[in-house]
Protein backbone atom coordinates (compact mmCIF):
# COMPACT_ATOMS: atom_id res chain seq x y z
CA UNK A 1 16.81 52.88 22.55
CA UNK A 2 13.36 51.25 22.37
CA UNK A 3 13.78 50.79 18.63
CA UNK A 4 17.06 48.93 19.20
CA UNK A 5 15.39 46.60 21.70
CA UNK A 6 12.53 45.91 19.28
CA UNK A 7 14.97 45.07 16.48
CA UNK A 8 16.88 42.78 18.83
CA UNK A 9 13.67 41.04 19.96
CA UNK A 10 12.56 40.53 16.35
CA UNK A 11 15.97 39.06 15.51
CA UNK A 12 15.74 36.65 18.44
CA UNK A 13 12.23 35.61 17.41
CA UNK A 14 13.32 34.98 13.81
CA UNK A 15 16.35 33.00 14.98
CA UNK A 16 14.16 30.87 17.23
CA UNK A 17 11.70 30.30 14.38
CA UNK A 18 14.45 29.17 11.98
CA UNK A 19 15.94 26.88 14.62
CA UNK A 20 12.49 25.35 15.22
CA UNK A 21 11.97 24.86 11.49
CA UNK A 22 15.39 23.24 11.20
CA UNK A 23 14.68 20.89 14.10
CA UNK A 24 11.32 19.97 12.61
CA UNK A 25 12.89 19.33 9.20
CA UNK A 26 15.46 17.01 10.78
CA UNK A 27 12.84 14.95 12.63
CA UNK A 28 12.89 11.49 11.04
CA UNK A 29 9.69 10.31 9.43
CA UNK A 30 7.96 7.36 11.05
CA UNK A 31 5.62 4.96 9.28
CA UNK A 32 3.65 2.00 10.61
CA UNK A 33 3.20 -0.94 8.27
CA UNK A 34 1.41 -4.25 8.23
CA UNK A 35 2.95 -6.98 6.10
CA UNK A 36 0.41 -6.34 3.34
CA UNK A 37 1.11 -2.60 3.41
CA UNK A 38 4.86 -3.28 3.26
CA UNK A 39 4.40 -5.48 0.18
CA UNK A 40 2.18 -2.84 -1.48
CA UNK A 41 4.77 -0.14 -0.76
CA UNK A 42 7.51 -2.31 -2.24
CA UNK A 43 5.49 -2.87 -5.41
CA UNK A 44 4.99 0.90 -5.76
CA UNK A 45 8.50 2.16 -4.98
CA UNK A 46 11.03 -0.65 -5.44
CA UNK A 47 13.66 0.49 -7.97
CA UNK A 48 14.34 -2.98 -9.37
CA UNK A 49 10.66 -3.39 -10.18
CA UNK A 50 10.56 0.08 -11.75
CA UNK A 51 13.48 -0.93 -13.98
CA UNK A 52 11.57 -4.06 -15.01
CA UNK A 53 8.65 -1.80 -16.08
CA UNK A 54 11.08 0.36 -18.06
CA UNK A 55 12.39 -2.77 -19.80
CA UNK A 56 8.86 -3.38 -21.14
CA UNK A 57 8.72 0.12 -22.57
CA UNK A 58 12.19 -0.34 -24.03
CA UNK A 59 11.15 -3.61 -25.72
CA UNK A 60 8.04 -1.87 -27.11
CA UNK A 61 10.21 0.96 -28.49
CA UNK A 62 12.53 -1.57 -30.15
CA UNK A 63 9.56 -3.36 -31.68
CA UNK A 64 8.24 -0.12 -33.17
CA UNK A 65 11.68 0.65 -34.64
CA UNK A 66 11.57 -2.71 -36.46
CA UNK A 67 8.03 -2.06 -37.71
CA UNK A 68 8.94 1.50 -38.77
CA UNK A 69 11.77 0.16 -40.94
CA UNK A 70 9.06 -1.40 -43.20
CA UNK A 71 7.00 1.80 -43.46
CA UNK A 72 7.58 4.68 -45.92
CA UNK A 73 10.34 7.13 -45.05
CA UNK A 74 10.05 10.65 -46.45
CA UNK A 75 12.75 13.30 -46.50
CA UNK A 76 12.91 16.80 -47.96
CA UNK A 77 15.93 18.88 -48.92
CA UNK A 78 17.04 22.12 -50.55
CA UNK A 79 20.29 22.52 -52.47
CA UNK A 80 21.73 25.93 -53.57
CA UNK A 81 24.42 26.04 -56.30
CA UNK A 82 26.46 29.02 -57.58
CA UNK A 83 29.20 28.42 -60.23
CA UNK A 84 30.86 31.82 -59.50
CA UNK A 85 30.84 33.11 -63.11
CA UNK A 86 31.82 29.84 -64.79
CA UNK A 87 30.76 29.74 -68.45
CA UNK A 88 29.78 26.72 -70.49
CA UNK A 89 31.01 26.67 -74.09
CA UNK A 90 28.97 25.01 -76.87
CA UNK A 91 30.64 24.33 -80.26
CA UNK A 92 27.94 24.23 -82.96
CA UNK A 93 28.99 23.02 -86.46
CA UNK A 94 28.18 25.54 -89.24
CA UNK A 95 28.34 23.06 -92.12
CA UNK A 96 31.22 25.02 -93.71
CA UNK A 97 34.90 24.21 -94.04
CA UNK A 98 37.97 26.33 -93.76
CA UNK A 99 39.29 26.92 -97.31
CA UNK A 100 42.87 26.71 -96.14
CA UNK A 101 42.81 23.78 -93.71
CA UNK A 102 39.67 22.13 -95.00
CA UNK A 103 38.51 21.62 -91.39
CA UNK A 104 34.97 21.92 -90.13
CA UNK A 105 34.09 25.42 -88.92
CA UNK A 106 32.27 25.63 -85.55
CA UNK A 107 30.45 28.49 -83.96
CA UNK A 108 31.24 28.81 -80.25
CA UNK A 109 28.50 29.99 -77.91
CA UNK A 110 29.34 30.68 -74.29
CA UNK A 111 26.68 30.64 -71.60
CA UNK A 112 27.16 31.61 -67.96
CA UNK A 113 25.42 29.23 -65.56
CA UNK A 114 23.15 31.31 -63.27
CA UNK A 115 22.79 30.52 -59.52
CA UNK A 116 20.12 27.93 -58.89
CA UNK A 117 18.27 26.25 -56.05
CA UNK A 118 16.79 22.77 -56.10
CA UNK A 119 13.99 21.65 -53.80
CA UNK A 120 13.44 17.89 -53.60
CA UNK A 121 11.25 15.40 -51.77
CA UNK A 122 12.27 11.75 -51.55
CA UNK A 123 10.06 8.88 -50.36
CA UNK A 124 11.27 5.31 -50.00
CA UNK A 125 9.95 1.94 -48.86
CA UNK A 126 11.96 -1.25 -48.34
CA UNK A 127 10.52 -4.58 -47.23
CA UNK A 128 12.31 -7.87 -46.73
CA UNK A 129 11.55 -11.18 -45.08
CA UNK A 130 14.11 -10.51 -42.33
CA UNK A 131 12.29 -7.33 -41.33
CA UNK A 132 8.95 -9.13 -41.05
CA UNK A 133 10.40 -11.95 -38.94
CA UNK A 134 12.32 -9.38 -36.88
CA UNK A 135 9.04 -7.68 -35.97
CA UNK A 136 7.61 -11.03 -34.83
CA UNK A 137 10.71 -11.61 -32.69
CA UNK A 138 10.27 -8.20 -31.09
CA UNK A 139 6.71 -9.20 -30.15
CA UNK A 140 8.18 -12.14 -28.24
CA UNK A 141 10.68 -9.79 -26.57
CA UNK A 142 7.83 -7.60 -25.28
CA UNK A 143 6.00 -10.65 -23.91
CA UNK A 144 9.17 -11.89 -22.20
CA UNK A 145 9.78 -8.47 -20.64
CA UNK A 146 6.23 -8.53 -19.28
CA UNK A 147 6.75 -11.99 -17.73
CA UNK A 148 10.07 -10.84 -16.25
CA UNK A 149 8.33 -7.87 -14.64
CA UNK A 150 5.77 -10.18 -13.01
CA UNK A 151 8.56 -12.45 -11.82
CA UNK A 152 10.42 -9.44 -10.40
CA UNK A 153 7.27 -8.35 -8.56
CA UNK A 154 7.04 -11.85 -7.10
CA UNK A 155 10.66 -11.68 -5.94
CA UNK A 156 10.15 -8.22 -4.42
CA UNK A 157 7.12 -9.30 -2.38
CA UNK A 158 8.90 -12.51 -1.30
CA UNK A 159 11.98 -10.62 -0.13
CA UNK A 160 9.79 -8.07 1.68
CA UNK A 161 7.98 -10.90 3.49
CA UNK A 162 11.28 -12.52 4.52
CA UNK A 163 12.67 -9.25 5.88
CA UNK A 164 9.42 -8.30 7.65
CA UNK A 165 9.07 -11.62 9.44
CA UNK A 166 12.80 -11.83 10.25
CA UNK A 167 12.59 -8.40 11.86
CA UNK A 168 9.57 -9.45 13.95
CA UNK A 169 11.30 -12.65 15.03
CA UNK A 170 14.52 -10.84 15.97
CA UNK A 171 12.57 -8.23 17.89
CA UNK A 172 10.88 -11.02 19.82
CA UNK A 173 14.27 -12.52 20.66
CA UNK A 174 15.58 -9.14 21.82
CA UNK A 175 12.59 -8.82 24.15
CA UNK A 176 13.16 -12.31 25.57
CA UNK A 177 16.87 -11.66 26.06
CA UNK A 178 16.14 -8.34 27.78
CA UNK A 179 13.83 -10.15 30.16
CA UNK A 180 16.46 -12.85 30.81
CA UNK A 181 19.15 -10.25 31.39
CA UNK A 182 16.95 -8.44 33.92
CA UNK A 183 16.39 -11.69 35.83
CA UNK A 184 20.07 -12.66 35.81
CA UNK A 185 21.06 -9.15 36.92
CA UNK A 186 18.70 -9.47 39.88
CA UNK A 187 20.31 -12.80 40.74
CA UNK A 188 23.72 -11.20 40.46
CA UNK A 189 22.71 -8.47 42.89
CA UNK A 190 21.31 -10.98 45.38
CA UNK A 191 24.51 -13.05 44.98
CA UNK A 192 26.65 -10.00 45.73
CA UNK A 193 24.55 -9.38 48.83
CA UNK A 194 25.07 -13.01 49.91
CA UNK A 195 28.83 -12.63 49.33
CA UNK A 196 28.81 -9.47 51.42
CA UNK A 197 27.21 -11.22 54.39
CA UNK A 198 29.47 -14.24 53.93
CA UNK A 199 26.95 -16.92 52.93
CA UNK A 200 28.40 -17.33 49.37
CA UNK A 201 31.84 -17.11 47.84
CA UNK A 202 32.83 -14.43 45.33
CA UNK A 203 33.27 -17.14 42.67
CA UNK A 204 29.52 -17.73 42.62
CA UNK A 205 28.88 -14.03 41.99
CA UNK A 206 31.52 -13.96 39.26
CA UNK A 207 29.92 -16.88 37.45
CA UNK A 208 26.57 -15.09 37.44
CA UNK A 209 28.24 -11.89 36.23
CA UNK A 210 29.83 -13.79 33.32
CA UNK A 211 26.36 -14.99 32.33
CA UNK A 212 25.05 -11.40 32.46
CA UNK A 213 27.80 -10.36 30.03
CA UNK A 214 27.01 -13.30 27.73
CA UNK A 215 23.36 -12.29 27.56
CA UNK A 216 24.34 -8.65 27.00
CA UNK A 217 26.56 -9.77 24.12
CA UNK A 218 23.68 -11.81 22.64
CA UNK A 219 21.42 -8.74 22.91
CA UNK A 220 23.98 -6.60 21.06
CA UNK A 221 24.28 -9.21 18.33
CA UNK A 222 20.49 -9.50 18.01
CA UNK A 223 20.12 -5.70 17.85
CA UNK A 224 22.79 -5.54 15.14
CA UNK A 225 20.94 -8.16 13.09
CA UNK A 226 17.71 -6.24 13.68
CA UNK A 227 19.27 -3.01 12.40
CA UNK A 228 20.52 -4.76 9.27
CA UNK A 229 17.04 -6.18 8.64
CA UNK A 230 15.36 -2.78 9.03
CA UNK A 231 17.88 -1.13 6.70
CA UNK A 232 17.40 -3.88 4.12
CA UNK A 233 13.64 -3.44 4.41
CA UNK A 234 13.96 0.33 3.85
CA UNK A 235 15.98 -0.34 0.71
CA UNK A 236 13.39 -2.85 -0.49
CA UNK A 237 10.54 -0.37 0.12
CA UNK A 238 12.39 2.54 -1.50
CA UNK A 239 12.45 4.53 1.79
CA UNK A 240 15.02 7.07 2.99
CA UNK A 241 17.65 5.99 5.49
CA UNK A 242 16.21 8.27 8.24
CA UNK A 243 12.71 6.80 7.96
CA UNK A 244 11.69 4.89 11.08
CA UNK A 245 9.60 1.77 10.47
CA UNK A 246 7.13 0.27 12.92
CA UNK A 247 5.93 -3.25 12.13
CA UNK A 248 2.37 -3.68 13.36
CA UNK A 249 1.57 -7.31 12.47
CA UNK A 250 1.80 -10.06 15.05
CA UNK A 251 4.36 -12.80 14.38
CA UNK A 252 2.09 -15.61 15.61
CA UNK A 253 -0.67 -14.56 13.20
CA UNK A 254 1.77 -14.60 10.27
CA UNK A 255 3.07 -18.09 11.08
CA UNK A 256 -0.26 -19.88 11.23
CA UNK A 257 -0.50 -23.53 10.22
CA UNK A 258 -3.53 -23.00 8.01
CA UNK A 259 -1.54 -21.09 5.36
CA UNK A 260 1.12 -23.81 5.26
CA UNK A 261 -1.40 -26.63 4.91
CA UNK A 262 -3.28 -24.71 2.23
CA UNK A 263 -0.09 -24.54 0.18
CA UNK A 264 0.65 -28.23 0.69
CA UNK A 265 -2.70 -29.19 -0.81
CA UNK A 266 -2.53 -26.73 -3.74
CA UNK A 267 -2.10 -28.48 -7.10
CA UNK A 268 0.94 -27.51 -9.14
CA UNK A 269 0.04 -26.02 -12.54
CA UNK A 270 3.37 -25.77 -14.35
CA UNK A 271 1.98 -23.29 -16.89
CA UNK A 272 1.52 -20.74 -14.07
CA UNK A 273 5.21 -20.83 -13.16
CA UNK A 274 7.10 -17.77 -14.43
CA UNK A 275 10.35 -19.67 -15.12
CA UNK A 276 8.39 -22.14 -17.26
CA UNK A 277 6.64 -19.30 -19.11
CA UNK A 278 9.99 -17.64 -19.88
CA UNK A 279 11.41 -20.93 -21.13
CA UNK A 280 8.43 -21.41 -23.46
CA UNK A 281 8.92 -17.93 -24.87
CA UNK A 282 12.64 -18.59 -25.25
CA UNK A 283 11.84 -21.78 -27.17
CA UNK A 284 9.60 -19.80 -29.52
CA UNK A 285 12.34 -17.21 -29.91
CA UNK A 286 14.89 -19.88 -30.82
CA UNK A 287 12.53 -21.28 -33.46
CA UNK A 288 11.99 -17.82 -34.95
CA UNK A 289 15.76 -17.44 -35.24
CA UNK A 290 15.75 -20.35 -37.72
CA UNK A 291 13.15 -18.55 -39.83
CA UNK A 292 15.12 -15.31 -39.57
CA UNK A 293 18.28 -16.99 -40.91
CA UNK A 294 16.28 -18.60 -43.77
CA UNK A 295 14.99 -15.17 -44.83
CA UNK A 296 18.33 -14.60 -46.56
CA UNK A 297 16.92 -16.86 -49.30
CA UNK A 298 13.96 -14.53 -49.92
CA UNK A 299 13.83 -11.41 -52.16
CA UNK A 300 13.58 -7.86 -50.90
CA UNK A 301 11.39 -5.13 -52.40
CA UNK A 302 12.37 -1.47 -52.75
CA UNK A 303 9.96 1.29 -53.82
CA UNK A 304 11.04 4.92 -54.28
CA UNK A 305 9.72 8.29 -55.43
CA UNK A 306 11.55 11.58 -55.98
CA UNK A 307 10.26 15.05 -56.77
CA UNK A 308 12.68 17.85 -57.80
CA UNK A 309 12.04 21.50 -58.66
CA UNK A 310 14.89 23.76 -59.90
CA UNK A 311 14.67 27.55 -59.57
CA UNK A 312 17.20 29.88 -61.30
CA UNK A 313 18.24 33.19 -59.78
CA UNK A 314 19.05 35.65 -62.58
CA UNK A 315 20.34 34.96 -66.08
CA UNK A 316 18.94 32.56 -68.60
CA UNK A 317 18.01 29.04 -67.46
CA UNK A 318 20.35 26.29 -68.52
CA UNK A 319 19.29 23.06 -70.12
CA UNK A 320 17.53 21.09 -67.33
CA UNK A 321 18.15 17.35 -67.59
CA UNK A 322 16.60 16.53 -64.19
CA UNK A 323 13.05 15.10 -64.42
CA UNK A 324 10.69 16.61 -61.81
CA UNK A 325 9.09 13.26 -60.91
CA UNK A 326 10.83 9.88 -60.69
CA UNK A 327 9.22 6.63 -59.51
CA UNK A 328 11.25 3.43 -59.09
CA UNK A 329 10.62 -0.17 -58.09
CA UNK A 330 13.34 -2.70 -57.45
CA UNK A 331 13.47 -6.37 -56.48
CA UNK A 332 16.62 -8.03 -55.20
CA UNK A 333 16.93 -11.81 -55.14
CA UNK A 334 19.94 -13.65 -53.70
CA UNK A 335 21.23 -16.25 -56.16
CA UNK A 336 24.43 -17.66 -54.68
CA UNK A 337 25.89 -17.21 -51.16
CA UNK A 338 28.54 -19.97 -51.17
CA UNK A 339 26.60 -21.95 -48.53
CA UNK A 340 26.65 -19.12 -45.97
CA UNK A 341 22.87 -19.00 -45.59
CA UNK A 342 22.59 -22.79 -45.45
CA UNK A 343 25.11 -23.02 -42.62
CA UNK A 344 23.46 -20.12 -40.77
CA UNK A 345 20.15 -22.01 -40.84
CA UNK A 346 21.91 -25.17 -39.67
CA UNK A 347 23.47 -23.28 -36.76
CA UNK A 348 20.08 -21.92 -35.63
CA UNK A 349 18.57 -25.39 -35.85
CA UNK A 350 21.29 -26.72 -33.55
CA UNK A 351 20.63 -23.86 -31.11
CA UNK A 352 16.93 -24.67 -31.18
CA UNK A 353 17.61 -28.34 -30.37
CA UNK A 354 19.78 -27.31 -27.42
CA UNK A 355 17.06 -24.96 -26.17
CA UNK A 356 14.49 -27.75 -26.55
CA UNK A 357 16.67 -30.09 -24.47
CA UNK A 358 17.01 -27.44 -21.76
CA UNK A 359 13.25 -26.88 -21.83
CA UNK A 360 12.51 -30.61 -21.38
CA UNK A 361 15.02 -30.90 -18.53
CA UNK A 362 13.68 -27.82 -16.77
CA UNK A 363 10.10 -29.09 -17.04
CA UNK A 364 11.16 -32.29 -15.22
CA UNK A 365 13.18 -30.30 -12.68
CA UNK A 366 10.21 -28.08 -11.83
CA UNK A 367 8.03 -31.11 -11.16
CA UNK A 368 10.71 -32.64 -8.94
CA UNK A 369 11.19 -29.28 -7.23
CA UNK A 370 7.47 -29.15 -6.47
CA UNK A 371 7.71 -32.48 -4.64
CA UNK A 372 10.85 -31.44 -2.76
CA UNK A 373 9.49 -28.04 -1.70
CA UNK A 374 6.32 -29.63 -0.30
CA UNK A 375 8.47 -31.99 1.76
CA UNK A 376 10.66 -29.08 2.91
CA UNK A 377 7.64 -27.06 4.03
CA UNK A 378 6.10 -29.95 5.93
CA UNK A 379 9.40 -30.74 7.64
CA UNK A 380 10.10 -27.05 8.43
CA UNK A 381 6.65 -26.60 9.94
CA UNK A 382 7.07 -29.65 12.20
CA UNK A 383 10.51 -28.43 13.32
CA UNK A 384 9.10 -24.95 13.99
CA UNK A 385 6.44 -26.42 16.27
CA UNK A 386 9.14 -28.39 18.13
CA UNK A 387 11.39 -25.34 18.57
CA UNK A 388 8.47 -23.15 19.60
CA UNK A 389 7.63 -25.66 22.36
CA UNK A 390 11.31 -25.97 23.21
CA UNK A 391 11.71 -22.23 23.81
CA UNK A 392 8.70 -22.26 26.12
CA UNK A 393 10.13 -25.21 28.06
CA UNK A 394 13.65 -23.76 28.39
CA UNK A 395 12.15 -20.43 29.47
CA UNK A 396 10.14 -22.15 32.19
CA UNK A 397 13.21 -24.13 33.28
CA UNK A 398 15.28 -20.96 33.43
CA UNK A 399 12.66 -19.14 35.49
CA UNK A 400 12.32 -22.13 37.84
CA UNK A 401 16.09 -22.44 38.33
CA UNK A 402 16.29 -18.70 38.92
CA UNK A 403 13.64 -18.97 41.61
CA UNK A 404 15.41 -21.94 43.24
CA UNK A 405 18.71 -20.05 43.14
CA UNK A 406 17.03 -17.12 44.88
CA UNK A 407 16.13 -19.43 47.77
CA UNK A 408 19.51 -21.14 47.75
CA UNK A 409 18.29 -24.42 46.28
CA UNK A 410 20.21 -24.18 42.97
CA UNK A 411 23.85 -23.49 42.17
CA UNK A 412 25.28 -20.85 39.88
CA UNK A 413 26.28 -23.65 37.52
CA UNK A 414 22.62 -24.66 37.15
CA UNK A 415 21.65 -21.04 36.49
CA UNK A 416 24.39 -20.70 33.87
CA UNK A 417 23.37 -23.94 32.14
CA UNK A 418 19.66 -23.02 32.16
CA UNK A 419 20.45 -19.57 30.76
CA UNK A 420 22.71 -21.04 28.06
CA UNK A 421 20.02 -23.56 27.08
CA UNK A 422 17.47 -20.76 26.83
CA UNK A 423 19.70 -18.65 24.55
CA UNK A 424 20.44 -21.70 22.38
CA UNK A 425 16.71 -22.45 22.16
CA UNK A 426 16.07 -18.88 21.04
CA UNK A 427 18.60 -19.20 18.21
CA UNK A 428 17.10 -22.54 17.16
CA UNK A 429 13.63 -20.99 17.23
CA UNK A 430 14.69 -18.13 14.97
CA UNK A 431 16.34 -20.54 12.53
CA UNK A 432 13.29 -22.85 12.44
CA UNK A 433 10.96 -19.89 11.94
CA UNK A 434 12.96 -18.57 8.98
CA UNK A 435 13.29 -22.08 7.53
CA UNK A 436 9.49 -22.35 7.58
CA UNK A 437 9.01 -18.87 6.12
CA UNK A 438 11.56 -19.55 3.35
CA UNK A 439 9.96 -22.93 2.60
CA UNK A 440 6.55 -21.27 2.28
CA UNK A 441 7.90 -18.52 0.03
CA UNK A 442 9.78 -20.98 -2.19
CA UNK A 443 6.63 -23.10 -2.69
CA UNK A 444 4.47 -20.00 -3.25
CA UNK A 445 6.85 -18.78 -5.94
CA UNK A 446 6.83 -22.16 -7.64
CA UNK A 447 3.04 -22.32 -7.56
CA UNK A 448 2.74 -18.58 -8.38
CA UNK A 449 0.37 -18.05 -5.45
């Protein structure tokens, strides 16, 4: 009986332990991040950036394949041959003639070919102008992949910054709306009390209740946007869906004027821009394509060596006509291609001219873009300051009207209007904040800062 109780107690303890472990395993992970830590995490774990790194390795592998095609290639093989009893007949003239027919008399010797095995080693080397130019083109491909990776890293950090600051701004709005909702709910309760004692009509209470529902709807919308931002940030940082993120930076510190003014007075060096660097590499690539097409005019060199060793298995060796060592050198020179090579070169020259035109246009566009982005940032910063002041003013007005309504000195219409103005100011503030953030990021990307 005691043994049964002990077994039961042990089973209960084990069950409780497994349940505890399961509950612990299901607890979502929580991480706290500053903006700088979020950007560092994105650079370490973002999948798009990892793919950009793999593209560099892929370009390097392709370059080595091109180089390896100009290096010696060696292969070895073994060939076994058995003629299954087949005999070779040799007719040897005797120098005598048949007295009857007067035809030459031959002596026939039959030899059975014994089984044999042949071991051979073959080495070959082929070099052409197209291979050499192809290797140079692959060097450009590696450099372009490296620039693309840097540009991808820039995009990843920019997107992370946008999402981080958007989440902070939306969280601030949710807090303000919660505070507004609490105040309006208090007014609604006091209005209901006034209706109960007969000093106000039910219509006044209904108007306040409608405003409570409007604010509640705005809170739901803001929370939905906030959830989308957090999920997008998780994806950008390479985090699991259950991971909870806490943003520890202060929004006011991230939207300081000093950073904006520093950007405005930073000189634009077009050579630092990643788009410009890629275009320069693309221009070089287009020029190399002309050389590659012209390589069809040049000769190609082929060098080969072959070693063969025949071993017979039983019987007498046959006559061996295969030399054990063979060395060969060959040169091939194109003489007439019916104008194909000429037109191929012409086509690549046309492509190069088009690329050059695009390069010149883009260079001008980047300089114009620099001027426009500076104007955008300056304008966005001024608008942000206006909206920031506006939200403070509308908040004070709302609080003042709420207080006056509490003492019966303001109507429900005034409360509704003040609340609506405050919500509208919040939306304008969010938009102005993100306009400023996006303007800063766009100029930073252009300047590569």
